[in-house]
Amino acid sequence: MDLRHLRCFMAVAEELHFARAAERLHMEQSPLSRAIKELEEELGTLLFVRTSRSTRLTRAGKLLQEHAPRVFLALEQARDSVKAAANGFHGQLRIALSDRITPSRLPALLARCREEDPEIEIRLFEVTLAQQIKGLHDDLYDAGFSMSDEVGEGLIVEPTWEDELMVAVPARHPVLAYKRVPLDEVLRYPLVLGDPNACEGHVRQVDRILRKHDKEPLIVQRVATFEVMMTLVSAGLALGLAGAAHIASTREPNVVARPLAGRPPMLTTYLLRPDAEPSQALARFIERLESLGPGNA
């Protein structure tokens, strides 16, 4: 299968419009249509149904759209491996990051790996939880970090570090009268929380904590990144709930972190890896991770 044909297919599959796909690829529409026809002839099936009003994927086209990104990722990883070897690296670890994990121990872990294993290149991939799970099964990643321990069979899940869930509060907000804010008090005000499509595991953990109280939270917005959450908090539009490390890393000047009253609720980050004998490089990576300890950073 020609990669040029596959790139043409993906552009049309995402745009569902041949003219827009051709413009995106900086080519004329006629050679694009010809490339799709050649691909369909090679595969022996139609990939698109075209009418005068619309273009839609066939069932075969949807399947190809699902598998094609892995082809491009595998090609990119092969290219990166060759470049790494040319730059003096003798191996590579592919680490996936999902759920907007709390960064508590990751910088220290990566710094130690670089110091003790400088010949191993570590590449990080920010992906959704579903993409990470599939990538671990398909050998696209060697391991990954997530805030979810619900990953199905074939993967080993190990808790790695914890981070205290805290309240992100706008400056001059009434809850700042509390040194430790009761959750019932937090639930009196509008909240901005994570979007489950972007940070599924984080959302699950926070929702479990909120469900322990009878009061229904007033969620005014779900956001994909903690940067946007802190922007909304800084503007005084809502309170936020996030790990201490995420709040501490914000650059917004009008955000204050407050702990919750009572026993501190903790957010757990997990290491995910295939249920198989790890490579030597991955085994050393896991040993360093375990040496950092399971506690709150």
C-alpha atoms as a PDB file:
ATOM      1  CA  MET A   1       0.000   0.000   0.000  1.00  0.00           C
ATOM      2  CA  ASP A   2       1.487   3.307  -1.129  1.00  0.00           C
ATOM      3  CA  LEU A   3       1.931   5.844   1.686  1.00  0.00           C
ATOM      4  CA  ARG A   4       0.982   8.640  -0.694  1.00  0.00           C
ATOM      5  CA  HIS A   5      -2.341   6.919  -1.310  1.00  0.00           C
ATOM      6  CA  LEU A   6      -2.836   6.476   2.425  1.00  0.00           C
ATOM      7  CA  ARG A   7      -2.172  10.167   3.120  1.00  0.00           C
ATOM      8  CA  CYS A   8      -4.689  11.108   0.437  1.00  0.00           C
ATOM      9  CA  PHE A   9      -7.224   8.736   1.946  1.00  0.00           C
ATOM     10  CA  MET A  10      -6.795  10.175   5.467  1.00  0.00           C
ATOM     11  CA  ALA A  11      -7.238  13.738   4.229  1.00  0.00           C
ATOM     12  CA  VAL A  12     -10.512  12.868   2.479  1.00  0.00           C
ATOM     13  CA  ALA A  13     -11.679  10.715   5.414  1.00  0.00           C
ATOM     14  CA  GLU A  14     -11.170  13.599   7.834  1.00  0.00           C
ATOM     15  CA  GLU A  15     -12.575  16.340   5.599  1.00  0.00           C
ATOM     16  CA  LEU A  16     -15.309  14.247   3.906  1.00  0.00           C
ATOM     17  CA  HIS A  17     -14.937  16.711   1.060  1.00  0.00           C
ATOM     18  CA  PHE A  18     -12.603  16.158  -1.903  1.00  0.00           C
ATOM     19  CA  ALA A  19     -12.058  19.842  -2.684  1.00  0.00           C
ATOM     20  CA  ARG A  20     -11.109  20.706   0.902  1.00  0.00           C
ATOM     21  CA  ALA A  21      -8.893  17.616   1.140  1.00  0.00           C
ATOM     22  CA  ALA A  22      -7.110  18.585  -2.088  1.00  0.00           C
ATOM     23  CA  GLU A  23      -6.561  22.115  -0.773  1.00  0.00           C
ATOM     24  CA  ARG A  24      -5.203  20.704   2.478  1.00  0.00           C
ATOM     25  CA  LEU A  25      -2.765  18.500   0.555  1.00  0.00           C
ATOM     26  CA  HIS A  26      -1.775  21.353  -1.813  1.00  0.00           C
ATOM     27  CA  MET A  27      -2.786  19.372  -4.892  1.00  0.00           C
ATOM     28  CA  GLU A  28      -5.447  19.436  -7.589  1.00  0.00           C
ATOM     29  CA  GLN A  29      -8.696  17.551  -7.013  1.00  0.00           C
ATOM     30  CA  SER A  30      -8.264  15.345 -10.096  1.00  0.00           C
ATOM     31  CA  PRO A  31      -5.040  13.575  -8.987  1.00  0.00           C
ATOM     32  CA  LEU A  32      -6.524  13.209  -5.494  1.00  0.00           C
ATOM     33  CA  SER A  33      -9.585  11.442  -6.905  1.00  0.00           C
ATOM     34  CA  ARG A  34      -7.299   9.271  -9.014  1.00  0.00           C
ATOM     35  CA  ALA A  35      -5.224   8.301  -5.945  1.00  0.00           C
ATOM     36  CA  ILE A  36      -8.364   7.272  -4.042  1.00  0.00           C
ATOM     37  CA  LYS A  37      -9.573   5.238  -7.012  1.00  0.00           C
ATOM     38  CA  GLU A  38      -6.190   3.468  -7.276  1.00  0.00           C
ATOM     39  CA  LEU A  39      -6.300   2.657  -3.556  1.00  0.00           C
ATOM     40  CA  GLU A  40      -9.832   1.286  -3.852  1.00  0.00           C
ATOM     41  CA  GLU A  41      -8.790  -0.855  -6.821  1.00  0.00           C
ATOM     42  CA  GLU A  42      -5.802  -2.193  -4.872  1.00  0.00           C
ATOM     43  CA  LEU A  43      -7.983  -3.073  -1.887  1.00  0.00           C
ATOM     44  CA  GLY A  44     -10.841  -4.355  -4.002  1.00  0.00           C
ATOM     45  CA  THR A  45     -13.503  -2.315  -2.234  1.00  0.00           C
ATOM     46  CA  LEU A  46     -15.063   1.131  -2.145  1.00  0.00           C
ATOM     47  CA  LEU A  47     -13.831   3.411   0.626  1.00  0.00           C
ATOM     48  CA  PHE A  48     -16.198   6.329   0.011  1.00  0.00           C
ATOM     49  CA  VAL A  49     -19.742   6.839  -1.206  1.00  0.00           C
ATOM     50  CA  ARG A  50     -19.931  10.078  -3.168  1.00  0.00           C
ATOM     51  CA  THR A  51     -23.058  11.939  -4.192  1.00  0.00           C
ATOM     52  CA  SER A  52     -23.555  15.432  -5.577  1.00  0.00           C
ATOM     53  CA  ARG A  53     -24.230  16.624  -2.035  1.00  0.00           C
ATOM     54  CA  SER A  54     -21.973  14.610   0.253  1.00  0.00           C
ATOM     55  CA  THR A  55     -19.062  12.230   0.721  1.00  0.00           C
ATOM     56  CA  ARG A  56     -19.201   9.538   3.401  1.00  0.00           C
ATOM     57  CA  LEU A  57     -17.058   6.592   4.435  1.00  0.00           C
ATOM     58  CA  THR A  58     -18.101   3.033   3.722  1.00  0.00           C
ATOM     59  CA  ARG A  59     -17.678   0.394   6.428  1.00  0.00           C
ATOM     60  CA  ALA A  60     -14.354  -0.587   4.821  1.00  0.00           C
ATOM     61  CA  GLY A  61     -13.343   3.070   4.775  1.00  0.00           C
ATOM     62  CA  LYS A  62     -14.088   3.442   8.485  1.00  0.00           C
ATOM     63  CA  LEU A  63     -11.931   0.402   9.251  1.00  0.00           C
ATOM     64  CA  LEU A  64      -9.045   1.789   7.209  1.00  0.00           C
ATOM     65  CA  GLN A  65      -9.408   5.162   8.940  1.00  0.00           C
ATOM     66  CA  GLU A  66      -9.135   3.392  12.286  1.00  0.00           C
ATOM     67  CA  HIS A  67      -5.954   1.485  11.366  1.00  0.00           C
ATOM     68  CA  ALA A  68      -4.117   4.031   9.206  1.00  0.00           C
ATOM     69  CA  PRO A  69      -2.851   6.300  12.045  1.00  0.00           C
ATOM     70  CA  ARG A  70      -0.926   3.351  13.502  1.00  0.00           C
ATOM     71  CA  VAL A  71       0.879   2.945  10.179  1.00  0.00           C
ATOM     72  CA  PHE A  72       2.020   6.568  10.270  1.00  0.00           C
ATOM     73  CA  LEU A  73       2.989   6.325  13.945  1.00  0.00           C
ATOM     74  CA  ALA A  74       5.021   3.150  13.346  1.00  0.00           C
ATOM     75  CA  LEU A  75       6.767   4.861  10.428  1.00  0.00           C
ATOM     76  CA  GLU A  76       7.512   7.925  12.578  1.00  0.00           C
ATOM     77  CA  GLN A  77       8.887   5.730  15.353  1.00  0.00           C
ATOM     78  CA  ALA A  78      11.097   3.845  12.907  1.00  0.00           C
ATOM     79  CA  ARG A  79      12.433   7.153  11.583  1.00  0.00           C
ATOM     80  CA  ASP A  80      13.053   8.411  15.135  1.00  0.00           C
ATOM     81  CA  SER A  81      14.850   5.187  16.079  1.00  0.00           C
ATOM     82  CA  VAL A  82      17.211   5.558  13.125  1.00  0.00           C
ATOM     83  CA  LYS A  83      17.875   9.198  14.030  1.00  0.00           C
ATOM     84  CA  ALA A  84      18.470   8.219  17.657  1.00  0.00           C
ATOM     85  CA  ALA A  85      20.995   5.584  16.605  1.00  0.00           C
ATOM     86  CA  ALA A  86      22.729   8.132  14.382  1.00  0.00           C
ATOM     87  CA  ASN A  87      22.948  10.496  17.382  1.00  0.00           C
ATOM     88  CA  GLY A  88      24.622   7.880  19.563  1.00  0.00           C
ATOM     89  CA  PHE A  89      21.654   6.357  21.414  1.00  0.00           C
ATOM     90  CA  HIS A  90      21.681   2.563  21.799  1.00  0.00           C
ATOM     91  CA  GLY A  91      18.017   2.096  22.601  1.00  0.00           C
ATOM     92  CA  GLN A  92      14.692   3.817  23.033  1.00  0.00           C
ATOM     93  CA  LEU A  93      11.792   3.802  25.481  1.00  0.00           C
ATOM     94  CA  ARG A  94       8.413   4.918  24.180  1.00  0.00           C
ATOM     95  CA  ILE A  95       6.327   6.269  27.071  1.00  0.00           C
ATOM     96  CA  ALA A  96       2.690   7.273  26.623  1.00  0.00           C
ATOM     97  CA  LEU A  97       1.092   9.951  28.815  1.00  0.00           C
ATOM     98  CA  SER A  98      -2.682  10.128  29.286  1.00  0.00           C
ATOM     99  CA  ASP A  99      -5.328  11.747  31.488  1.00  0.00           C
ATOM    100  CA  ARG A 100      -3.258  14.916  32.094  1.00  0.00           C
ATOM    101  CA  ILE A 101      -1.352  13.013  34.800  1.00  0.00           C
ATOM    102  CA  THR A 102      -0.096  14.958  37.796  1.00  0.00           C
ATOM    103  CA  PRO A 103       3.564  15.722  37.026  1.00  0.00           C
ATOM    104  CA  SER A 104       4.780  15.262  40.610  1.00  0.00           C
ATOM    105  CA  ARG A 105       7.579  12.755  40.032  1.00  0.00           C
ATOM    106  CA  LEU A 106       7.952  12.609  36.265  1.00  0.00           C
ATOM    107  CA  PRO A 107      10.641  15.337  35.888  1.00  0.00           C
ATOM    108  CA  ALA A 108      12.842  13.747  38.578  1.00  0.00           C
ATOM    109  CA  LEU A 109      12.371  10.310  37.028  1.00  0.00           C
ATOM    110  CA  LEU A 110      13.339  11.480  33.539  1.00  0.00           C
ATOM    111  CA  ALA A 111      16.348  13.406  34.862  1.00  0.00           C
ATOM    112  CA  ARG A 112      17.593  10.324  36.687  1.00  0.00           C
ATOM    113  CA  CYS A 113      17.137   8.162  33.590  1.00  0.00           C
ATOM    114  CA  ARG A 114      19.156  10.628  31.552  1.00  0.00           C
ATOM    115  CA  GLU A 115      21.903  10.655  34.173  1.00  0.00           C
ATOM    116  CA  GLU A 116      22.125   6.874  34.686  1.00  0.00           C
ATOM    117  CA  ASP A 117      21.135   5.607  31.221  1.00  0.00           C
ATOM    118  CA  PRO A 118      22.254   8.348  28.797  1.00  0.00           C
ATOM    119  CA  GLU A 119      22.428   5.887  25.887  1.00  0.00           C
ATOM    120  CA  ILE A 120      18.645   5.248  26.091  1.00  0.00           C
ATOM    121  CA  GLU A 121      16.460   7.832  24.383  1.00  0.00           C
ATOM    122  CA  ILE A 122      13.090   8.393  26.062  1.00  0.00           C
ATOM    123  CA  ARG A 123      10.279   9.620  23.846  1.00  0.00           C
ATOM    124  CA  LEU A 124       6.990  10.840  25.312  1.00  0.00           C
ATOM    125  CA  PHE A 125       3.644  10.595  23.521  1.00  0.00           C
ATOM    126  CA  GLU A 126       0.598  12.530  24.740  1.00  0.00           C
ATOM    127  CA  VAL A 127      -2.425  10.409  23.810  1.00  0.00           C
ATOM    128  CA  THR A 128      -5.903   9.601  25.068  1.00  0.00           C
ATOM    129  CA  LEU A 129      -6.338   6.702  27.462  1.00  0.00           C
ATOM    130  CA  ALA A 130      -7.961   4.585  24.733  1.00  0.00           C
ATOM    131  CA  GLN A 131      -5.039   5.285  22.391  1.00  0.00           C
ATOM    132  CA  GLN A 132      -2.547   4.390  25.098  1.00  0.00           C
ATOM    133  CA  ILE A 133      -4.233   1.071  25.873  1.00  0.00           C
ATOM    134  CA  LYS A 134      -4.425   0.144  22.197  1.00  0.00           C
ATOM    135  CA  GLY A 135      -0.848   1.304  21.598  1.00  0.00           C
ATOM    136  CA  LEU A 136       0.461  -0.826  24.468  1.00  0.00           C
ATOM    137  CA  HIS A 137      -1.274  -3.869  22.999  1.00  0.00           C
ATOM    138  CA  ASP A 138       0.026  -3.054  19.495  1.00  0.00           C
ATOM    139  CA  ASP A 139       3.651  -2.494  20.639  1.00  0.00           C
ATOM    140  CA  LEU A 140       3.556   1.198  19.772  1.00  0.00           C
ATOM    141  CA  TYR A 141       4.525   2.095  23.363  1.00  0.00           C
ATOM    142  CA  ASP A 142       6.681   0.298  25.925  1.00  0.00           C
ATOM    143  CA  ALA A 143       4.831   1.700  28.935  1.00  0.00           C
ATOM    144  CA  GLY A 144       2.616   4.588  29.895  1.00  0.00           C
ATOM    145  CA  PHE A 145       1.275   6.703  32.727  1.00  0.00           C
ATOM    146  CA  SER A 146      -2.424   7.176  33.352  1.00  0.00           C
ATOM    147  CA  MET A 147      -4.775   8.116  36.156  1.00  0.00           C
ATOM    148  CA  SER A 148      -7.024   5.149  35.415  1.00  0.00           C
ATOM    149  CA  ASP A 149      -6.557   1.588  36.636  1.00  0.00           C
ATOM    150  CA  GLU A 150      -9.486   0.297  34.538  1.00  0.00           C
ATOM    151  CA  VAL A 151      -7.608  -0.835  31.424  1.00  0.00           C
ATOM    152  CA  GLY A 152      -8.818  -4.354  30.699  1.00  0.00           C
ATOM    153  CA  GLU A 153      -6.824  -7.556  30.312  1.00  0.00           C
ATOM    154  CA  GLY A 154      -3.269  -7.977  29.051  1.00  0.00           C
ATOM    155  CA  LEU A 155      -1.787  -4.996  30.878  1.00  0.00           C
ATOM    156  CA  ILE A 156      -0.096  -4.649  34.259  1.00  0.00           C
ATOM    157  CA  VAL A 157      -1.238  -1.628  36.275  1.00  0.00           C
ATOM    158  CA  GLU A 158       0.841  -0.366  39.195  1.00  0.00           C
ATOM    159  CA  PRO A 159       0.268   2.740  41.365  1.00  0.00           C
ATOM    160  CA  THR A 160       3.314   4.987  41.120  1.00  0.00           C
ATOM    161  CA  TRP A 161       2.704   8.275  42.914  1.00  0.00           C
ATOM    162  CA  GLU A 162      -0.017  10.296  44.589  1.00  0.00           C
ATOM    163  CA  ASP A 163      -0.875  13.979  44.547  1.00  0.00           C
ATOM    164  CA  GLU A 164      -3.230  15.762  46.911  1.00  0.00           C
ATOM    165  CA  LEU A 165      -6.482  17.018  45.385  1.00  0.00           C
ATOM    166  CA  MET A 166      -6.800  20.712  46.207  1.00  0.00           C
ATOM    167  CA  VAL A 167      -9.097  23.614  45.415  1.00  0.00           C
ATOM    168  CA  ALA A 168      -7.938  26.260  42.951  1.00  0.00           C
ATOM    169  CA  VAL A 169      -9.480  29.490  44.222  1.00  0.00           C
ATOM    170  CA  PRO A 170      -9.630  32.962  42.668  1.00  0.00           C
ATOM    171  CA  ALA A 171      -7.954  35.693  44.681  1.00  0.00           C
ATOM    172  CA  ARG A 172     -10.376  37.487  47.051  1.00  0.00           C
ATOM    173  CA  HIS A 173     -12.888  34.626  46.925  1.00  0.00           C
ATOM    174  CA  PRO A 174     -14.991  33.989  50.101  1.00  0.00           C
ATOM    175  CA  VAL A 175     -13.650  30.423  50.585  1.00  0.00           C
ATOM    176  CA  LEU A 176     -10.188  31.872  51.250  1.00  0.00           C
ATOM    177  CA  ALA A 177     -11.475  32.522  54.760  1.00  0.00           C
ATOM    178  CA  TYR A 178     -10.831  28.799  55.303  1.00  0.00           C
ATOM    179  CA  LYS A 179      -7.304  27.480  55.696  1.00  0.00           C
ATOM    180  CA  ARG A 180      -8.725  24.042  54.839  1.00  0.00           C
ATOM    181  CA  VAL A 181     -11.924  24.297  52.820  1.00  0.00           C
ATOM    182  CA  PRO A 182     -14.830  21.919  53.601  1.00  0.00           C
ATOM    183  CA  LEU A 183     -15.993  20.169  50.466  1.00  0.00           C
ATOM    184  CA  ASP A 184     -19.580  21.173  51.286  1.00  0.00           C
ATOM    185  CA  GLU A 185     -18.434  24.793  51.073  1.00  0.00           C
ATOM    186  CA  VAL A 186     -16.727  24.175  47.722  1.00  0.00           C
ATOM    187  CA  LEU A 187     -19.958  22.688  46.347  1.00  0.00           C
ATOM    188  CA  ARG A 188     -21.806  25.961  47.047  1.00  0.00           C
ATOM    189  CA  TYR A 189     -19.958  27.597  44.152  1.00  0.00           C
ATOM    190  CA  PRO A 190     -19.644  27.005  40.387  1.00  0.00           C
ATOM    191  CA  LEU A 191     -16.910  24.519  39.436  1.00  0.00           C
ATOM    192  CA  VAL A 192     -14.718  24.052  36.382  1.00  0.00           C
ATOM    193  CA  LEU A 193     -13.612  20.423  36.025  1.00  0.00           C
ATOM    194  CA  GLY A 194     -11.771  18.234  33.527  1.00  0.00           C
ATOM    195  CA  ASP A 195     -13.296  16.923  30.311  1.00  0.00           C
ATOM    196  CA  PRO A 196     -13.570  13.099  30.400  1.00  0.00           C
ATOM    197  CA  ASN A 197     -12.687  12.943  26.700  1.00  0.00           C
ATOM    198  CA  ALA A 198      -9.264  14.454  27.454  1.00  0.00           C
ATOM    199  CA  CYS A 199      -8.520  13.355  31.024  1.00  0.00           C
ATOM    200  CA  GLU A 200     -10.756  10.357  31.661  1.00  0.00           C
ATOM    201  CA  GLY A 201      -8.874   8.904  34.619  1.00  0.00           C
ATOM    202  CA  HIS A 202      -8.541  12.237  36.411  1.00  0.00           C
ATOM    203  CA  VAL A 203     -12.264  12.891  35.983  1.00  0.00           C
ATOM    204  CA  ARG A 204     -13.149   9.442  37.353  1.00  0.00           C
ATOM    205  CA  GLN A 205     -11.069   9.972  40.485  1.00  0.00           C
ATOM    206  CA  VAL A 206     -12.478  13.444  41.149  1.00  0.00           C
ATOM    207  CA  ASP A 207     -16.043  12.240  40.506  1.00  0.00           C
ATOM    208  CA  ARG A 208     -15.575   9.425  43.034  1.00  0.00           C
ATOM    209  CA  ILE A 209     -14.579  11.999  45.653  1.00  0.00           C
ATOM    210  CA  LEU A 210     -17.534  14.260  44.813  1.00  0.00           C
ATOM    211  CA  ARG A 211     -20.012  11.359  44.922  1.00  0.00           C
ATOM    212  CA  LYS A 212     -19.248  10.855  48.628  1.00  0.00           C
ATOM    213  CA  HIS A 213     -21.311  13.979  49.299  1.00  0.00           C
ATOM    214  CA  ASP A 214     -25.046  14.312  48.755  1.00  0.00           C
ATOM    215  CA  LYS A 215     -24.880  17.779  47.241  1.00  0.00           C
ATOM    216  CA  GLU A 216     -24.844  17.924  43.436  1.00  0.00           C
ATOM    217  CA  PRO A 217     -21.901  19.979  42.090  1.00  0.00           C
ATOM    218  CA  LEU A 218     -22.646  22.977  39.882  1.00  0.00           C
ATOM    219  CA  ILE A 219     -20.295  22.310  36.968  1.00  0.00           C
ATOM    220  CA  VAL A 220     -20.225  25.343  34.688  1.00  0.00           C
ATOM    221  CA  GLN A 221     -17.594  24.038  32.267  1.00  0.00           C
ATOM    222  CA  ARG A 222     -15.533  20.964  31.391  1.00  0.00           C
ATOM    223  CA  VAL A 223     -12.072  21.719  30.003  1.00  0.00           C
ATOM    224  CA  ALA A 224      -9.419  19.644  28.248  1.00  0.00           C
ATOM    225  CA  THR A 225      -6.373  21.214  29.933  1.00  0.00           C
ATOM    226  CA  PHE A 226      -5.484  22.459  33.385  1.00  0.00           C
ATOM    227  CA  GLU A 227      -4.124  25.643  31.812  1.00  0.00           C
ATOM    228  CA  VAL A 228      -7.651  26.577  30.697  1.00  0.00           C
ATOM    229  CA  MET A 229      -9.028  25.535  34.097  1.00  0.00           C
ATOM    230  CA  MET A 230      -6.612  27.900  35.850  1.00  0.00           C
ATOM    231  CA  THR A 231      -7.438  30.693  33.392  1.00  0.00           C
ATOM    232  CA  LEU A 232     -11.132  30.438  34.278  1.00  0.00           C
ATOM    233  CA  VAL A 233     -10.319  30.289  37.994  1.00  0.00           C
ATOM    234  CA  SER A 234      -8.013  33.305  37.714  1.00  0.00           C
ATOM    235  CA  ALA A 235     -10.819  35.216  36.000  1.00  0.00           C
ATOM    236  CA  GLY A 236     -13.061  34.533  39.014  1.00  0.00           C
ATOM    237  CA  LEU A 237     -15.574  32.483  37.017  1.00  0.00           C
ATOM    238  CA  ALA A 238     -15.374  29.286  39.067  1.00  0.00           C
ATOM    239  CA  LEU A 239     -13.428  27.179  41.524  1.00  0.00           C
ATOM    240  CA  GLY A 240     -11.278  24.343  40.188  1.00  0.00           C
ATOM    241  CA  LEU A 241     -10.349  20.931  41.548  1.00  0.00           C
ATOM    242  CA  ALA A 242      -6.910  19.646  40.579  1.00  0.00           C
ATOM    243  CA  GLY A 243      -3.759  18.051  41.939  1.00  0.00           C
ATOM    244  CA  ALA A 244      -1.455  20.207  44.032  1.00  0.00           C
ATOM    245  CA  ALA A 245       1.303  19.898  41.419  1.00  0.00           C
ATOM    246  CA  HIS A 246      -0.952  21.173  38.631  1.00  0.00           C
ATOM    247  CA  ILE A 247      -2.071  24.179  40.662  1.00  0.00           C
ATOM    248  CA  ALA A 248       1.507  24.906  41.757  1.00  0.00           C
ATOM    249  CA  SER A 249       2.665  24.948  38.141  1.00  0.00           C
ATOM    250  CA  THR A 250       0.083  27.509  37.015  1.00  0.00           C
ATOM    251  CA  ARG A 251       1.335  30.830  35.707  1.00  0.00           C
ATOM    252  CA  GLU A 252      -1.948  32.578  36.452  1.00  0.00           C
ATOM    253  CA  PRO A 253      -1.298  35.268  39.087  1.00  0.00           C
ATOM    254  CA  ASN A 254      -4.726  35.245  40.746  1.00  0.00           C
ATOM    255  CA  VAL A 255      -5.024  31.557  41.661  1.00  0.00           C
ATOM    256  CA  VAL A 256      -4.598  30.366  45.249  1.00  0.00           C
ATOM    257  CA  ALA A 257      -4.345  26.689  46.245  1.00  0.00           C
ATOM    258  CA  ARG A 258      -6.307  25.592  49.301  1.00  0.00           C
ATOM    259  CA  PRO A 259      -6.365  22.057  50.786  1.00  0.00           C
ATOM    260  CA  LEU A 260      -9.684  20.377  51.481  1.00  0.00           C
ATOM    261  CA  ALA A 261     -10.773  19.879  55.080  1.00  0.00           C
ATOM    262  CA  GLY A 262     -10.499  16.468  56.702  1.00  0.00           C
ATOM    263  CA  ARG A 263      -8.382  13.613  55.417  1.00  0.00           C
ATOM    264  CA  PRO A 264      -6.654  14.860  52.234  1.00  0.00           C
ATOM    265  CA  PRO A 265      -8.144  13.180  49.147  1.00  0.00           C
ATOM    266  CA  MET A 266      -5.380  11.817  46.917  1.00  0.00           C
ATOM    267  CA  LEU A 267      -5.137  11.417  43.145  1.00  0.00           C
ATOM    268  CA  THR A 268      -3.206   8.340  42.018  1.00  0.00           C
ATOM    269  CA  THR A 269      -1.068   8.030  38.897  1.00  0.00           C
ATOM    270  CA  TYR A 270      -0.522   4.528  37.523  1.00  0.00           C
ATOM    271  CA  LEU A 271       2.134   2.892  35.362  1.00  0.00           C
ATOM    272  CA  LEU A 272       0.675   0.765  32.563  1.00  0.00           C
ATOM    273  CA  ARG A 273       2.727  -1.826  30.699  1.00  0.00           C
ATOM    274  CA  PRO A 274       2.177  -5.040  28.718  1.00  0.00           C
ATOM    275  CA  ASP A 275       1.837  -8.221  30.770  1.00  0.00           C
ATOM    276  CA  ALA A 276       5.132  -9.650  29.488  1.00  0.00           C
ATOM    277  CA  GLU A 277       8.801  -9.753  30.458  1.00  0.00           C
ATOM    278  CA  PRO A 278      10.045  -6.149  30.190  1.00  0.00           C
ATOM    279  CA  SER A 279      13.128  -5.247  28.209  1.00  0.00           C
ATOM    280  CA  GLN A 280      16.283  -4.428  30.169  1.00  0.00           C
ATOM    281  CA  ALA A 281      15.784  -0.722  29.500  1.00  0.00           C
ATOM    282  CA  LEU A 282      12.173  -0.827  30.704  1.00  0.00           C
ATOM    283  CA  ALA A 283      13.117  -2.916  33.754  1.00  0.00           C
ATOM    284  CA  ARG A 284      15.692  -0.272  34.765  1.00  0.00           C
ATOM    285  CA  PHE A 285      13.097   2.447  34.173  1.00  0.00           C
ATOM    286  CA  ILE A 286      10.651   0.653  36.500  1.00  0.00           C
ATOM    287  CA  GLU A 287      13.351   0.179  39.161  1.00  0.00           C
ATOM    288  CA  ARG A 288      14.089   3.902  39.166  1.00  0.00           C
ATOM    289  CA  LEU A 289      10.387   4.681  39.376  1.00  0.00           C
ATOM    290  CA  GLU A 290       9.966   2.355  42.349  1.00  0.00           C
ATOM    291  CA  SER A 291      13.001   3.865  44.084  1.00  0.00           C
ATOM    292  CA  LEU A 292      11.263   7.241  44.134  1.00  0.00           C
ATOM    293  CA  GLY A 293       8.706   5.739  46.518  1.00  0.00           C
ATOM    294  CA  PRO A 294       4.893   5.639  46.320  1.00  0.00           C
ATOM    295  CA  GLY A 295       4.182   8.683  48.459  1.00  0.00           C
ATOM    296  CA  ASN A 296       3.092  12.177  47.619  1.00  0.00           C
ATOM    297  CA  ALA A 297       5.831  14.219  45.966  1.00  0.00           C
END
